Each structure stands twice: as C-alpha cells, then as structure tokens.
C-alpha cells in the first residue's frame, strides 16, 4: 500500500459516499465498486485509531 496516496483514497471514498447520498441508485453502484481490500483496511485502521484516541482522553 502506497502511503503517499492515502489522501487521494480518502477523498475518493468521501466523494463516493456523498454521491450515494445524492443519487442512491447510482451511488450504491459506485460505492460497491469502491469497496476494495485497501479501503477496508483504511476504514478499520481509522476506526481503531479513533477508538484508541477516545479511550485515552477519558
């Protein structure tokens, strides 16, 4: 995984989610094609990092 393109992947995923909200039928098709192992790893890593940071602040 190329860490230099992390921002591009995040922006692309946010755009796909926004498209799914505006036009659900076409957006869901784009969202299905955007779900790749890389995006799942990034999502899981982000959720884990957010969880750990929130636990640390308590």
C-alpha atoms as a PDB file:
ATOM      1  CA  UNK A   1       0.000   0.000   0.000  1.00  0.00           C
ATOM      2  CA  UNK A   2       1.384   3.392  -1.015  1.00  0.00           C
ATOM      3  CA  UNK A   3       1.062   5.768   1.964  1.00  0.00           C
ATOM      4  CA  UNK A   4       1.672   8.785  -0.297  1.00  0.00           C
ATOM      5  CA  UNK A   5      -1.732   8.275  -1.915  1.00  0.00           C
ATOM      6  CA  UNK A   6      -3.630   7.942   1.350  1.00  0.00           C
ATOM      7  CA  UNK A   7      -5.226  11.372   0.953  1.00  0.00           C
ATOM      8  CA  UNK A   8      -6.380  10.557  -2.577  1.00  0.00           C
ATOM      9  CA  UNK A   9      -8.014   7.358  -1.391  1.00  0.00           C
ATOM     10  CA  UNK A  10      -9.752   9.152   1.490  1.00  0.00           C
ATOM     11  CA  UNK A  11     -11.074  11.936  -0.755  1.00  0.00           C
ATOM     12  CA  UNK A  12     -12.278   9.408  -3.313  1.00  0.00           C
ATOM     13  CA  UNK A  13     -14.122   7.423  -0.657  1.00  0.00           C
ATOM     14  CA  UNK A  14     -15.736  10.590   0.728  1.00  0.00           C
ATOM     15  CA  UNK A  15     -16.858  11.535  -2.779  1.00  0.00           C
ATOM     16  CA  UNK A  16     -18.379   8.100  -3.342  1.00  0.00           C
ATOM     17  CA  UNK A  17     -20.285   8.351  -0.063  1.00  0.00           C
ATOM     18  CA  UNK A  18     -21.538  11.841  -0.953  1.00  0.00           C
ATOM     19  CA  UNK A  19     -22.645  10.540  -4.342  1.00  0.00           C
ATOM     20  CA  UNK A  20     -24.550   7.713  -2.671  1.00  0.00           C
ATOM     21  CA  UNK A  21     -26.454  10.264  -0.585  1.00  0.00           C
ATOM     22  CA  UNK A  22     -27.358  12.495  -3.552  1.00  0.00           C
ATOM     23  CA  UNK A  23     -28.284   9.728  -6.027  1.00  0.00           C
ATOM     24  CA  UNK A  24     -28.786   6.473  -4.121  1.00  0.00           C
ATOM     25  CA  UNK A  25     -29.197   4.184  -7.130  1.00  0.00           C
ATOM     26  CA  UNK A  26     -26.065   5.283  -8.995  1.00  0.00           C
ATOM     27  CA  UNK A  27     -24.194   5.994  -5.772  1.00  0.00           C
ATOM     28  CA  UNK A  28     -24.597   2.479  -4.447  1.00  0.00           C
ATOM     29  CA  UNK A  29     -23.126   1.071  -7.643  1.00  0.00           C
ATOM     30  CA  UNK A  30     -20.124   3.367  -7.314  1.00  0.00           C
ATOM     31  CA  UNK A  31     -19.833   2.567  -3.634  1.00  0.00           C
ATOM     32  CA  UNK A  32     -19.791  -1.185  -4.328  1.00  0.00           C
ATOM     33  CA  UNK A  33     -17.025  -0.757  -6.877  1.00  0.00           C
ATOM     34  CA  UNK A  34     -15.054   1.453  -4.473  1.00  0.00           C
ATOM     35  CA  UNK A  35     -15.002  -1.139  -1.693  1.00  0.00           C
ATOM     36  CA  UNK A  36     -11.621  -2.762  -2.066  1.00  0.00           C
ATOM     37  CA  UNK A  37      -9.398  -4.541   0.427  1.00  0.00           C
ATOM     38  CA  UNK A  38      -7.338  -1.354   0.676  1.00  0.00           C
ATOM     39  CA  UNK A  39     -10.358   0.765   1.603  1.00  0.00           C
ATOM     40  CA  UNK A  40     -11.467  -1.804   4.175  1.00  0.00           C
ATOM     41  CA  UNK A  41      -8.007  -1.774   5.776  1.00  0.00           C
ATOM     42  CA  UNK A  42      -8.031   2.037   5.872  1.00  0.00           C
ATOM     43  CA  UNK A  43     -11.508   2.101   7.377  1.00  0.00           C
ATOM     44  CA  UNK A  44     -10.621  -0.466  10.038  1.00  0.00           C
ATOM     45  CA  UNK A  45      -7.389   1.380  10.857  1.00  0.00           C
ATOM     46  CA  UNK A  46      -9.201   4.698  11.159  1.00  0.00           C
ATOM     47  CA  UNK A  47     -11.870   3.231  13.404  1.00  0.00           C
ATOM     48  CA  UNK A  48      -9.264   1.589  15.613  1.00  0.00           C
ATOM     49  CA  UNK A  49      -7.219   4.776  15.846  1.00  0.00           C
ATOM     50  CA  UNK A  50     -10.315   6.831  16.699  1.00  0.00           C
ATOM     51  CA  UNK A  51     -11.326   4.339  19.350  1.00  0.00           C
ATOM     52  CA  UNK A  52      -7.877   4.304  20.937  1.00  0.00           C
ATOM     53  CA  UNK A  53      -7.673   8.110  20.942  1.00  0.00           C
ATOM     54  CA  UNK A  54     -11.102   8.448  22.523  1.00  0.00           C
ATOM     55  CA  UNK A  55     -10.236   5.909  25.232  1.00  0.00           C
ATOM     56  CA  UNK A  56      -7.035   7.772  26.033  1.00  0.00           C
ATOM     57  CA  UNK A  57      -8.814  11.088  26.660  1.00  0.00           C
ATOM     58  CA  UNK A  58     -11.150   9.711  29.328  1.00  0.00           C
END
